[in-house]
Every structure is written in structure tokens, then in C-alpha cells.
Amino acid sequence: MAHEHRTFRIRGRVQGVFFRRSAQQEARLLGLTGYARNNDDNTVTIEAEGPAEALNKLAAWCQHGPSTAKVERVEKTVGGDARLH
């Protein structure tokens, strides 16, 4: 099974609401590797690698995150191609 790499940048109320930690747990459950970090501009960046199906599930999760978050926008980069979702 081919692995892909994707980068997600999540905007909204995503810091101080356990978004990063929840994203790490979700990625682990999906069998993905990578990391999540808080950025100085109050966004969260997630770098993830794994099967496309699992990455698609993580992308769907990023649209809402944990119940304490308020996601306004998700920017996804696949092979250098940035897209808004």
C-alpha cells in the first residue's frame, strides 16, 4: 500500500482547546505517523504520512477537531499543492 504525505494547517479556535493532542491521538488511531504543532499565528499544523484512506479520515476529522475547538478553515497540502477546505 502506497504512503502519502500531507500537511494540514487549521485555522480558528484551535489552540488551548487540546486540538494538537487530539489530532495526535486521532492520527495514531488511524496508523499515521507525523506530528502536530502550534504556530505563532494561533493556527495548528499537522504533518502526517500513511495510507491515503487514513489521511482522508484525518482530513475529515480536521474539519471539526475536538468538541472544544471551532475550526474556521483547513488548508491541505498534498505534494506541494495547497487547497482550502
Foldseek 3Di string as FASTA:
>chain_A
DDKFKKKKKWDFQQPPQCQQVQLVVLCVVLVWDWGWDADPVRIIMTIIMDDPVSVVVSVVCSCCGDPSTDTDWMWMATPRDTDID
